[in-house]
Amino acid sequence: MDKSTPIKINRRLHWFAVLTAFVTFLLIGLGGLVTSHGAGMSVPDWPNTYGYNMFAFPISKWVGGIFYEHTHRLLASAVGLMTTILAIWLWLGDSRKWMYWLGVTAFLGVIAQGILGGLRVTMHMDSLGIFHATIAQLFLVLMCALAIFTGGLWAELAASGGHDGSHFHPAHHRRDHAAPARRAGDS
């Protein structure tokens, strides 16, 4: 991308990235409910739910810890789908190469999270839950970064700095480049 070419902002892409970050935030909160209610092993099989296809599990059986664990799985599936759409959209619709790679990283990250969550269930290893939760928080940071980088403020900052936004430094983007003058008697 030519450094003098302004970044074109796709508002729909930006708001989809914001929505994906928000749903990821909700997913982490739901994961916290799974942990705090001791519901991590309430559904002993994966990717199925008590032998049912996960998406066809009867609502009447969503009781106790099963409710938390199964809802977490369904929301995780939604985040996986949204991340896949976001990665493809970035690949097809964003001219910044580094954004393409962030989308690929997000896609691979959400796949790794799904596998890690599944292994935690199938291998009956509570210790994997620690890694699952830690990577989830890192994934949220990545989703928030994508939401910021697809937005107008980032493009404005990049344009004012004469670069593509990949090397932002706050000191270079202050609106007032000089300290305000002090009047006599000010402390």
N, C-alpha and C. Protein backbone atom coordinates (compact mmCIF):
# COMPACT_ATOMS: atom_id res chain seq x y z
N MET A 1 0.85 -1.18 0.00
CA MET A 1 0.00 0.00 0.00
C MET A 1 0.89 1.23 0.00
N ASP A 2 0.62 2.16 -0.87
CA ASP A 2 1.36 3.41 -0.94
C ASP A 2 1.10 4.20 0.34
N LYS A 3 2.17 4.72 0.95
CA LYS A 3 2.04 5.42 2.23
C LYS A 3 1.19 6.67 2.14
N SER A 4 1.05 7.25 0.95
CA SER A 4 0.24 8.46 0.82
C SER A 4 -1.22 8.14 0.53
N THR A 5 -1.53 6.89 0.26
CA THR A 5 -2.91 6.49 -0.02
C THR A 5 -3.68 6.39 1.28
N PRO A 6 -4.80 7.10 1.41
CA PRO A 6 -5.57 7.00 2.65
C PRO A 6 -6.21 5.62 2.78
N ILE A 7 -6.38 5.20 4.02
CA ILE A 7 -7.03 3.92 4.29
C ILE A 7 -8.51 4.09 4.05
N LYS A 8 -9.09 3.18 3.29
CA LYS A 8 -10.53 3.22 3.05
C LYS A 8 -11.21 2.43 4.15
N ILE A 9 -12.18 3.06 4.77
CA ILE A 9 -12.89 2.45 5.89
C ILE A 9 -14.19 1.84 5.40
N ASN A 10 -14.38 0.58 5.73
CA ASN A 10 -15.62 -0.12 5.45
C ASN A 10 -16.39 -0.16 6.77
N ARG A 11 -17.40 0.67 6.90
CA ARG A 11 -18.16 0.79 8.15
C ARG A 11 -18.80 -0.54 8.56
N ARG A 12 -19.29 -1.28 7.59
CA ARG A 12 -19.91 -2.58 7.93
C ARG A 12 -18.88 -3.54 8.49
N LEU A 13 -17.70 -3.57 7.90
CA LEU A 13 -16.62 -4.41 8.40
C LEU A 13 -16.25 -3.99 9.82
N HIS A 14 -16.13 -2.69 10.03
CA HIS A 14 -15.78 -2.19 11.36
C HIS A 14 -16.82 -2.61 12.39
N TRP A 15 -18.09 -2.40 12.11
CA TRP A 15 -19.11 -2.74 13.09
C TRP A 15 -19.25 -4.24 13.28
N PHE A 16 -18.96 -5.02 12.26
CA PHE A 16 -18.94 -6.48 12.42
C PHE A 16 -17.78 -6.88 13.33
N ALA A 17 -16.63 -6.23 13.17
CA ALA A 17 -15.48 -6.50 14.05
C ALA A 17 -15.81 -6.11 15.49
N VAL A 18 -16.50 -4.99 15.68
CA VAL A 18 -16.91 -4.56 17.02
C VAL A 18 -17.88 -5.59 17.61
N LEU A 19 -18.84 -6.04 16.83
CA LEU A 19 -19.80 -7.04 17.29
C LEU A 19 -19.09 -8.35 17.66
N THR A 20 -18.14 -8.76 16.84
CA THR A 20 -17.40 -9.99 17.12
C THR A 20 -16.62 -9.86 18.43
N ALA A 21 -16.00 -8.71 18.66
CA ALA A 21 -15.29 -8.48 19.92
C ALA A 21 -16.26 -8.52 21.10
N PHE A 22 -17.43 -7.92 20.94
CA PHE A 22 -18.42 -7.90 22.02
C PHE A 22 -18.92 -9.31 22.34
N VAL A 23 -19.22 -10.09 21.32
CA VAL A 23 -19.70 -11.46 21.54
C VAL A 23 -18.59 -12.30 22.17
N THR A 24 -17.34 -12.04 21.79
CA THR A 24 -16.21 -12.72 22.42
C THR A 24 -16.14 -12.38 23.91
N PHE A 25 -16.37 -11.10 24.24
CA PHE A 25 -16.40 -10.67 25.64
C PHE A 25 -17.50 -11.43 26.41
N LEU A 26 -18.68 -11.55 25.81
CA LEU A 26 -19.77 -12.29 26.44
C LEU A 26 -19.40 -13.76 26.63
N LEU A 27 -18.72 -14.32 25.63
CA LEU A 27 -18.29 -15.72 25.71
C LEU A 27 -17.34 -15.94 26.88
N ILE A 28 -16.42 -15.03 27.10
CA ILE A 28 -15.49 -15.16 28.22
C ILE A 28 -16.25 -15.06 29.54
N GLY A 29 -17.22 -14.16 29.61
CA GLY A 29 -18.05 -14.08 30.80
C GLY A 29 -18.81 -15.37 31.06
N LEU A 30 -19.33 -15.95 30.00
CA LEU A 30 -20.04 -17.22 30.12
C LEU A 30 -19.08 -18.33 30.54
N GLY A 31 -17.86 -18.30 30.01
CA GLY A 31 -16.85 -19.25 30.44
C GLY A 31 -16.55 -19.12 31.93
N GLY A 32 -16.57 -17.89 32.42
CA GLY A 32 -16.40 -17.67 33.86
C GLY A 32 -17.54 -18.27 34.67
N LEU A 33 -18.75 -18.19 34.14
CA LEU A 33 -19.90 -18.83 34.81
C LEU A 33 -19.75 -20.34 34.83
N VAL A 34 -19.26 -20.90 33.73
CA VAL A 34 -19.02 -22.35 33.67
C VAL A 34 -18.06 -22.74 34.79
N THR A 35 -16.97 -21.98 34.92
CA THR A 35 -15.97 -22.29 35.94
C THR A 35 -16.51 -22.07 37.35
N SER A 36 -17.14 -20.91 37.59
CA SER A 36 -17.60 -20.59 38.95
C SER A 36 -18.73 -21.51 39.42
N HIS A 37 -19.48 -22.09 38.48
CA HIS A 37 -20.53 -23.04 38.86
C HIS A 37 -20.04 -24.49 38.83
N GLY A 38 -18.75 -24.69 38.56
CA GLY A 38 -18.20 -26.04 38.52
C GLY A 38 -18.85 -26.89 37.44
N ALA A 39 -19.20 -26.25 36.33
CA ALA A 39 -19.95 -26.93 35.28
C ALA A 39 -19.08 -27.39 34.11
N GLY A 40 -17.78 -27.32 34.26
CA GLY A 40 -16.88 -27.63 33.15
C GLY A 40 -17.03 -29.02 32.59
N MET A 41 -17.41 -29.98 33.41
CA MET A 41 -17.58 -31.36 32.94
C MET A 41 -19.04 -31.80 32.98
N SER A 42 -19.95 -30.83 32.94
CA SER A 42 -21.38 -31.17 32.97
C SER A 42 -21.84 -31.87 31.71
N VAL A 43 -21.12 -31.62 30.62
CA VAL A 43 -21.40 -32.31 29.36
C VAL A 43 -20.15 -33.13 29.05
N PRO A 44 -20.22 -34.45 29.23
CA PRO A 44 -19.00 -35.27 29.19
C PRO A 44 -18.48 -35.62 27.80
N ASP A 45 -19.19 -35.28 26.75
CA ASP A 45 -18.70 -35.61 25.41
C ASP A 45 -18.52 -34.33 24.60
N TRP A 46 -17.73 -34.45 23.55
CA TRP A 46 -17.44 -33.32 22.67
C TRP A 46 -17.04 -33.87 21.31
N PRO A 47 -17.50 -33.36 20.21
CA PRO A 47 -18.27 -32.13 20.04
C PRO A 47 -19.77 -32.31 20.21
N ASN A 48 -20.20 -33.50 20.52
CA ASN A 48 -21.63 -33.73 20.75
C ASN A 48 -22.01 -33.31 22.17
N THR A 49 -23.30 -33.36 22.45
CA THR A 49 -23.82 -33.09 23.77
C THR A 49 -24.73 -34.24 24.15
N TYR A 50 -24.24 -35.11 25.02
CA TYR A 50 -24.95 -36.32 25.41
C TYR A 50 -25.43 -37.12 24.21
N GLY A 51 -24.56 -37.23 23.22
CA GLY A 51 -24.86 -38.01 22.02
C GLY A 51 -25.63 -37.26 20.95
N TYR A 52 -26.20 -36.14 21.27
CA TYR A 52 -26.94 -35.32 20.30
C TYR A 52 -25.95 -34.44 19.54
N ASN A 53 -26.32 -34.10 18.32
CA ASN A 53 -25.61 -33.02 17.65
C ASN A 53 -25.75 -31.80 18.54
N MET A 54 -24.66 -31.10 18.74
CA MET A 54 -24.66 -29.97 19.67
C MET A 54 -25.78 -28.97 19.38
N PHE A 55 -26.10 -28.77 18.11
CA PHE A 55 -27.11 -27.78 17.74
C PHE A 55 -28.53 -28.32 17.82
N ALA A 56 -28.67 -29.63 18.06
CA ALA A 56 -30.00 -30.24 18.15
C ALA A 56 -30.31 -30.74 19.56
N PHE A 57 -29.49 -30.39 20.53
CA PHE A 57 -29.72 -30.83 21.90
C PHE A 57 -31.00 -30.18 22.42
N PRO A 58 -31.96 -30.98 22.93
CA PRO A 58 -33.26 -30.43 23.37
C PRO A 58 -33.12 -29.43 24.51
N ILE A 59 -33.79 -28.30 24.38
CA ILE A 59 -33.75 -27.24 25.39
C ILE A 59 -34.26 -27.76 26.73
N SER A 60 -35.17 -28.70 26.72
CA SER A 60 -35.73 -29.24 27.98
C SER A 60 -34.65 -29.91 28.84
N LYS A 61 -33.53 -30.27 28.24
CA LYS A 61 -32.45 -30.93 28.98
C LYS A 61 -31.36 -29.95 29.43
N TRP A 62 -31.55 -28.67 29.15
CA TRP A 62 -30.58 -27.65 29.57
C TRP A 62 -30.85 -27.29 31.03
N VAL A 63 -30.42 -28.12 31.95
CA VAL A 63 -30.66 -27.89 33.38
C VAL A 63 -29.34 -27.94 34.13
N GLY A 64 -29.30 -27.20 35.24
CA GLY A 64 -28.11 -27.20 36.09
C GLY A 64 -26.86 -26.77 35.33
N GLY A 65 -25.78 -27.47 35.58
CA GLY A 65 -24.52 -27.15 34.94
C GLY A 65 -24.53 -27.34 33.44
N ILE A 66 -25.41 -28.22 32.97
CA ILE A 66 -25.51 -28.45 31.52
C ILE A 66 -25.89 -27.16 30.81
N PHE A 67 -26.75 -26.37 31.44
CA PHE A 67 -27.16 -25.09 30.84
C PHE A 67 -25.94 -24.21 30.57
N TYR A 68 -25.08 -24.06 31.57
CA TYR A 68 -23.91 -23.19 31.42
C TYR A 68 -22.93 -23.73 30.39
N GLU A 69 -22.61 -25.01 30.50
CA GLU A 69 -21.62 -25.59 29.59
C GLU A 69 -22.13 -25.62 28.15
N HIS A 70 -23.37 -26.02 27.97
CA HIS A 70 -23.90 -26.13 26.61
C HIS A 70 -24.06 -24.73 25.97
N THR A 71 -24.53 -23.77 26.75
CA THR A 71 -24.67 -22.40 26.23
C THR A 71 -23.29 -21.84 25.86
N HIS A 72 -22.28 -22.15 26.67
CA HIS A 72 -20.91 -21.72 26.37
C HIS A 72 -20.46 -22.30 25.03
N ARG A 73 -20.75 -23.56 24.80
CA ARG A 73 -20.38 -24.20 23.53
C ARG A 73 -21.09 -23.56 22.34
N LEU A 74 -22.37 -23.27 22.51
CA LEU A 74 -23.12 -22.67 21.41
C LEU A 74 -22.61 -21.26 21.09
N LEU A 75 -22.36 -20.47 22.13
CA LEU A 75 -21.84 -19.12 21.90
C LEU A 75 -20.43 -19.19 21.31
N ALA A 76 -19.64 -20.17 21.73
CA ALA A 76 -18.30 -20.36 21.15
C ALA A 76 -18.40 -20.69 19.67
N SER A 77 -19.39 -21.46 19.30
CA SER A 77 -19.60 -21.77 17.87
C SER A 77 -19.94 -20.50 17.10
N ALA A 78 -20.75 -19.63 17.71
CA ALA A 78 -21.09 -18.36 17.06
C ALA A 78 -19.85 -17.49 16.90
N VAL A 79 -19.00 -17.43 17.93
CA VAL A 79 -17.76 -16.66 17.84
C VAL A 79 -16.86 -17.24 16.76
N GLY A 80 -16.80 -18.57 16.67
CA GLY A 80 -16.00 -19.21 15.63
C GLY A 80 -16.48 -18.85 14.24
N LEU A 81 -17.79 -18.87 14.03
CA LEU A 81 -18.36 -18.50 12.74
C LEU A 81 -18.10 -17.03 12.44
N MET A 82 -18.31 -16.17 13.42
CA MET A 82 -18.10 -14.73 13.21
C MET A 82 -16.63 -14.43 12.91
N THR A 83 -15.73 -15.12 13.59
CA THR A 83 -14.29 -14.91 13.36
C THR A 83 -13.91 -15.37 11.96
N THR A 84 -14.48 -16.47 11.52
CA THR A 84 -14.22 -16.96 10.16
C THR A 84 -14.69 -15.94 9.13
N ILE A 85 -15.88 -15.43 9.31
CA ILE A 85 -16.41 -14.40 8.40
C ILE A 85 -15.52 -13.16 8.42
N LEU A 86 -15.12 -12.74 9.62
CA LEU A 86 -14.26 -11.56 9.75
C LEU A 86 -12.92 -11.76 9.05
N ALA A 87 -12.32 -12.93 9.21
CA ALA A 87 -11.03 -13.21 8.57
C ALA A 87 -11.15 -13.19 7.04
N ILE A 88 -12.21 -13.78 6.52
CA ILE A 88 -12.43 -13.77 5.06
C ILE A 88 -12.67 -12.34 4.58
N TRP A 89 -13.45 -11.60 5.33
CA TRP A 89 -13.77 -10.21 4.97
C TRP A 89 -12.50 -9.36 4.96
N LEU A 90 -11.64 -9.56 5.95
CA LEU A 90 -10.37 -8.83 5.97
C LEU A 90 -9.50 -9.22 4.78
N TRP A 91 -9.48 -10.49 4.45
CA TRP A 91 -8.68 -10.98 3.33
C TRP A 91 -9.15 -10.38 2.02
N LEU A 92 -10.47 -10.31 1.85
CA LEU A 92 -11.03 -9.80 0.59
C LEU A 92 -11.19 -8.29 0.56
N GLY A 93 -11.36 -7.66 1.73
CA GLY A 93 -11.77 -6.26 1.72
C GLY A 93 -10.83 -5.25 2.35
N ASP A 94 -9.68 -5.68 2.84
CA ASP A 94 -8.76 -4.73 3.46
C ASP A 94 -7.43 -4.79 2.72
N SER A 95 -6.94 -3.63 2.28
CA SER A 95 -5.73 -3.59 1.46
C SER A 95 -4.45 -3.68 2.28
N ARG A 96 -4.56 -3.57 3.60
CA ARG A 96 -3.36 -3.63 4.45
C ARG A 96 -2.98 -5.08 4.70
N LYS A 97 -1.80 -5.45 4.27
CA LYS A 97 -1.35 -6.84 4.37
C LYS A 97 -1.31 -7.31 5.83
N TRP A 98 -0.89 -6.43 6.73
CA TRP A 98 -0.81 -6.81 8.14
C TRP A 98 -2.19 -7.11 8.72
N MET A 99 -3.24 -6.50 8.17
CA MET A 99 -4.60 -6.80 8.62
C MET A 99 -5.01 -8.20 8.17
N TYR A 100 -4.59 -8.57 6.97
CA TYR A 100 -4.85 -9.93 6.49
C TYR A 100 -4.24 -10.93 7.48
N TRP A 101 -3.00 -10.69 7.91
CA TRP A 101 -2.33 -11.62 8.81
C TRP A 101 -2.95 -11.62 10.20
N LEU A 102 -3.47 -10.49 10.64
CA LEU A 102 -4.19 -10.49 11.91
C LEU A 102 -5.48 -11.31 11.81
N GLY A 103 -6.14 -11.22 10.65
CA GLY A 103 -7.34 -12.04 10.43
C GLY A 103 -7.02 -13.52 10.42
N VAL A 104 -5.91 -13.89 9.78
CA VAL A 104 -5.48 -15.29 9.77
C VAL A 104 -5.15 -15.74 11.19
N THR A 105 -4.47 -14.89 11.95
CA THR A 105 -4.15 -15.21 13.34
C THR A 105 -5.41 -15.42 14.17
N ALA A 106 -6.40 -14.57 13.98
CA ALA A 106 -7.67 -14.72 14.70
C ALA A 106 -8.35 -16.02 14.33
N PHE A 107 -8.36 -16.34 13.04
CA PHE A 107 -8.98 -17.59 12.58
C PHE A 107 -8.30 -18.80 13.20
N LEU A 108 -6.97 -18.83 13.15
CA LEU A 108 -6.23 -19.95 13.74
C LEU A 108 -6.41 -19.99 15.26
N GLY A 109 -6.49 -18.82 15.87
CA GLY A 109 -6.70 -18.75 17.31
C GLY A 109 -8.03 -19.30 17.75
N VAL A 110 -9.08 -19.00 17.01
CA VAL A 110 -10.40 -19.49 17.40
C VAL A 110 -10.50 -21.00 17.18
N ILE A 111 -9.83 -21.51 16.16
CA ILE A 111 -9.79 -22.96 15.96
C ILE A 111 -9.04 -23.63 17.11
N ALA A 112 -7.89 -23.05 17.48
CA ALA A 112 -7.12 -23.60 18.60
C ALA A 112 -7.93 -23.59 19.89
N GLN A 113 -8.70 -22.52 20.11
CA GLN A 113 -9.52 -22.43 21.31
C GLN A 113 -10.59 -23.53 21.33
N GLY A 114 -11.22 -23.77 20.19
CA GLY A 114 -12.22 -24.82 20.12
C GLY A 114 -11.63 -26.20 20.41
N ILE A 115 -10.47 -26.45 19.83
CA ILE A 115 -9.81 -27.74 20.05
C ILE A 115 -9.37 -27.87 21.50
N LEU A 116 -8.82 -26.80 22.06
CA LEU A 116 -8.37 -26.83 23.45
C LEU A 116 -9.55 -27.07 24.40
N GLY A 117 -10.67 -26.41 24.15
CA GLY A 117 -11.86 -26.64 24.96
C GLY A 117 -12.36 -28.08 24.84
N GLY A 118 -12.31 -28.62 23.63
CA GLY A 118 -12.72 -30.01 23.42
C GLY A 118 -11.78 -30.99 24.10
N LEU A 119 -10.48 -30.73 24.02
CA LEU A 119 -9.51 -31.61 24.68
C LEU A 119 -9.67 -31.58 26.20
N ARG A 120 -10.02 -30.44 26.72
CA ARG A 120 -10.25 -30.33 28.16
C ARG A 120 -11.36 -31.27 28.59
N VAL A 121 -12.37 -31.43 27.75
CA VAL A 121 -13.49 -32.33 28.06
C VAL A 121 -13.11 -33.79 27.81
N THR A 122 -12.57 -34.08 26.63
CA THR A 122 -12.32 -35.48 26.27
C THR A 122 -11.17 -36.10 27.05
N MET A 123 -10.20 -35.28 27.46
CA MET A 123 -9.05 -35.80 28.22
C MET A 123 -9.26 -35.67 29.73
N HIS A 124 -10.37 -35.06 30.14
CA HIS A 124 -10.69 -34.88 31.56
C HIS A 124 -9.54 -34.20 32.31
N MET A 125 -9.01 -33.13 31.69
CA MET A 125 -7.88 -32.43 32.28
C MET A 125 -8.30 -31.01 32.68
N ASP A 126 -8.50 -30.82 33.98
CA ASP A 126 -8.85 -29.49 34.47
C ASP A 126 -7.75 -28.47 34.19
N SER A 127 -6.50 -28.92 34.18
CA SER A 127 -5.38 -28.00 33.97
C SER A 127 -5.44 -27.34 32.59
N LEU A 128 -6.04 -27.99 31.61
CA LEU A 128 -6.18 -27.37 30.29
C LEU A 128 -7.10 -26.15 30.34
N GLY A 129 -7.98 -26.13 31.32
CA GLY A 129 -8.88 -24.99 31.48
C GLY A 129 -8.14 -23.69 31.73
N ILE A 130 -7.00 -23.78 32.40
CA ILE A 130 -6.19 -22.58 32.67
C ILE A 130 -5.68 -22.00 31.35
N PHE A 131 -5.15 -22.85 30.49
CA PHE A 131 -4.66 -22.39 29.20
C PHE A 131 -5.80 -21.89 28.32
N HIS A 132 -6.92 -22.60 28.39
CA HIS A 132 -8.10 -22.22 27.61
C HIS A 132 -8.55 -20.80 28.00
N ALA A 133 -8.59 -20.52 29.29
CA ALA A 133 -9.02 -19.20 29.76
C ALA A 133 -8.00 -18.12 29.41
N THR A 134 -6.72 -18.44 29.54
CA THR A 134 -5.68 -17.45 29.23
C THR A 134 -5.68 -17.10 27.75
N ILE A 135 -5.76 -18.10 26.90
CA ILE A 135 -5.77 -17.85 25.46
C ILE A 135 -7.05 -17.11 25.06
N ALA A 136 -8.15 -17.38 25.77
CA ALA A 136 -9.40 -16.67 25.50
C ALA A 136 -9.23 -15.17 25.71
N GLN A 137 -8.52 -14.79 26.76
CA GLN A 137 -8.32 -13.37 27.03
C GLN A 137 -7.40 -12.74 25.99
N LEU A 138 -6.38 -13.47 25.56
CA LEU A 138 -5.51 -12.97 24.49
C LEU A 138 -6.30 -12.82 23.19
N PHE A 139 -7.19 -13.76 22.94
CA PHE A 139 -8.04 -13.71 21.75
C PHE A 139 -8.95 -12.48 21.80
N LEU A 140 -9.48 -12.17 22.98
CA LEU A 140 -10.31 -10.97 23.13
C LEU A 140 -9.50 -9.71 22.80
N VAL A 141 -8.27 -9.65 23.25
CA VAL A 141 -7.41 -8.50 22.94
C VAL A 141 -7.24 -8.38 21.43
N LEU A 142 -7.02 -9.50 20.76
CA LEU A 142 -6.88 -9.48 19.30
C LEU A 142 -8.16 -9.01 18.63
N MET A 143 -9.31 -9.48 19.11
CA MET A 143 -10.59 -9.05 18.53
C MET A 143 -10.81 -7.55 18.73
N CYS A 144 -10.45 -7.05 19.90
CA CYS A 144 -10.59 -5.60 20.16
C CYS A 144 -9.64 -4.82 19.26
N ALA A 145 -8.43 -5.33 19.06
CA ALA A 145 -7.49 -4.66 18.17
C ALA A 145 -8.04 -4.60 16.75
N LEU A 146 -8.62 -5.69 16.28
CA LEU A 146 -9.21 -5.70 14.94
C LEU A 146 -10.35 -4.69 14.84
N ALA A 147 -11.14 -4.58 15.90
CA ALA A 147 -12.23 -3.60 15.90
C ALA A 147 -11.66 -2.18 15.81
N ILE A 148 -10.58 -1.92 16.51
CA ILE A 148 -9.96 -0.58 16.47
C ILE A 148 -9.33 -0.33 15.10
N PHE A 149 -8.59 -1.29 14.59
CA PHE A 149 -7.86 -1.10 13.33
C PHE A 149 -8.77 -0.96 12.11
N THR A 150 -10.01 -1.47 12.22
CA THR A 150 -10.94 -1.34 11.09
C THR A 150 -11.74 -0.04 11.16
N GLY A 151 -11.54 0.73 12.23
CA GLY A 151 -12.34 1.93 12.44
C GLY A 151 -11.76 3.20 11.86
N GLY A 152 -12.59 4.22 11.86
CA GLY A 152 -12.23 5.52 11.30
C GLY A 152 -11.16 6.25 12.08
N LEU A 153 -11.16 6.11 13.41
CA LEU A 153 -10.15 6.79 14.21
C LEU A 153 -8.75 6.30 13.85
N TRP A 154 -8.61 5.01 13.66
CA TRP A 154 -7.29 4.46 13.29
C TRP A 154 -6.87 5.01 11.92
N ALA A 155 -7.80 5.07 10.99
CA ALA A 155 -7.48 5.60 9.66
C ALA A 155 -7.09 7.07 9.75
N GLU A 156 -7.79 7.82 10.61
CA GLU A 156 -7.47 9.24 10.79
C GLU A 156 -6.06 9.41 11.38
N LEU A 157 -5.76 8.59 12.38
CA LEU A 157 -4.42 8.65 12.98
C LEU A 157 -3.35 8.26 11.98
N ALA A 158 -3.63 7.25 11.18
CA ALA A 158 -2.67 6.81 10.17
C ALA A 158 -2.45 7.89 9.12
N ALA A 159 -3.53 8.55 8.71
CA ALA A 159 -3.42 9.59 7.69
C ALA A 159 -2.64 10.80 8.22
N SER A 160 -2.85 11.14 9.47
CA SER A 160 -2.15 12.30 10.03
C SER A 160 -0.68 12.01 10.26
N GLY A 161 -0.33 10.75 10.36
CA GLY A 161 1.07 10.38 10.58
C GLY A 161 1.80 10.05 9.31
N GLY A 162 1.10 9.96 8.19
CA GLY A 162 1.74 9.67 6.91
C GLY A 162 2.18 8.24 6.76
N HIS A 163 1.53 7.32 7.47
CA HIS A 163 1.86 5.90 7.30
C HIS A 163 0.57 5.09 7.36
N ASP A 164 0.71 3.79 7.28
CA ASP A 164 -0.47 2.93 7.17
C ASP A 164 -1.07 2.55 8.52
N GLY A 165 -0.60 3.14 9.60
CA GLY A 165 -1.17 2.84 10.91
C GLY A 165 -0.52 1.69 11.62
N SER A 166 0.48 1.09 11.02
CA SER A 166 1.10 -0.07 11.66
C SER A 166 2.17 0.32 12.67
N HIS A 167 2.58 1.59 12.70
CA HIS A 167 3.60 2.05 13.63
C HIS A 167 3.11 3.29 14.37
N PHE A 168 2.05 3.14 15.10
CA PHE A 168 1.45 4.27 15.81
C PHE A 168 2.24 4.58 17.08
N HIS A 169 2.51 5.82 17.30
CA HIS A 169 3.12 6.27 18.55
C HIS A 169 2.34 7.49 19.01
N PRO A 170 1.76 7.44 20.22
CA PRO A 170 0.89 8.54 20.67
C PRO A 170 1.56 9.91 20.66
N ALA A 171 2.85 9.98 20.94
CA ALA A 171 3.51 11.28 20.99
C ALA A 171 3.51 11.98 19.64
N HIS A 172 3.41 11.23 18.58
CA HIS A 172 3.41 11.81 17.24
C HIS A 172 2.04 12.30 16.81
N HIS A 173 1.02 12.04 17.62
CA HIS A 173 -0.35 12.35 17.20
C HIS A 173 -1.09 13.23 18.19
N ARG A 174 -0.35 14.00 18.99
CA ARG A 174 -1.01 14.93 19.89
C ARG A 174 -1.64 16.05 19.09
N ARG A 175 -2.78 16.49 19.55
CA ARG A 175 -3.46 17.58 18.85
C ARG A 175 -2.78 18.92 19.15
N ASP A 176 -2.26 19.06 20.36
CA ASP A 176 -1.55 20.30 20.69
C ASP A 176 -0.07 19.95 20.82
N HIS A 177 0.70 20.40 19.88
CA HIS A 177 2.11 20.03 19.84
C HIS A 177 2.97 20.87 20.77
N ALA A 178 2.41 21.88 21.38
CA ALA A 178 3.17 22.71 22.32
C ALA A 178 2.43 22.74 23.64
N ALA A 179 3.16 22.83 24.72
CA ALA A 179 2.54 22.92 26.03
C ALA A 179 1.85 24.28 26.14
N PRO A 180 0.71 24.33 26.83
CA PRO A 180 0.03 25.62 26.99
C PRO A 180 0.88 26.59 27.81
N ALA A 181 0.82 27.86 27.45
CA ALA A 181 1.58 28.87 28.16
C ALA A 181 1.00 29.06 29.54
N ARG A 182 1.85 29.26 30.51
CA ARG A 182 1.39 29.49 31.89
C ARG A 182 1.26 30.98 32.13
N ARG A 183 0.22 31.35 32.84
CA ARG A 183 0.02 32.74 33.21
C ARG A 183 0.63 32.98 34.59
N ALA A 184 0.96 34.23 34.85
CA ALA A 184 1.50 34.57 36.15
C ALA A 184 0.49 34.19 37.23
N GLY A 185 0.94 33.56 38.28
CA GLY A 185 0.07 33.19 39.39
C GLY A 185 -0.49 31.78 39.25
N ASP A 186 -0.35 31.13 38.07
CA ASP A 186 -0.82 29.74 37.93
C ASP A 186 0.17 28.83 38.64
N SER A 187 -0.33 27.82 39.25
CA SER A 187 0.59 26.87 39.88
C SER A 187 0.61 25.56 39.16
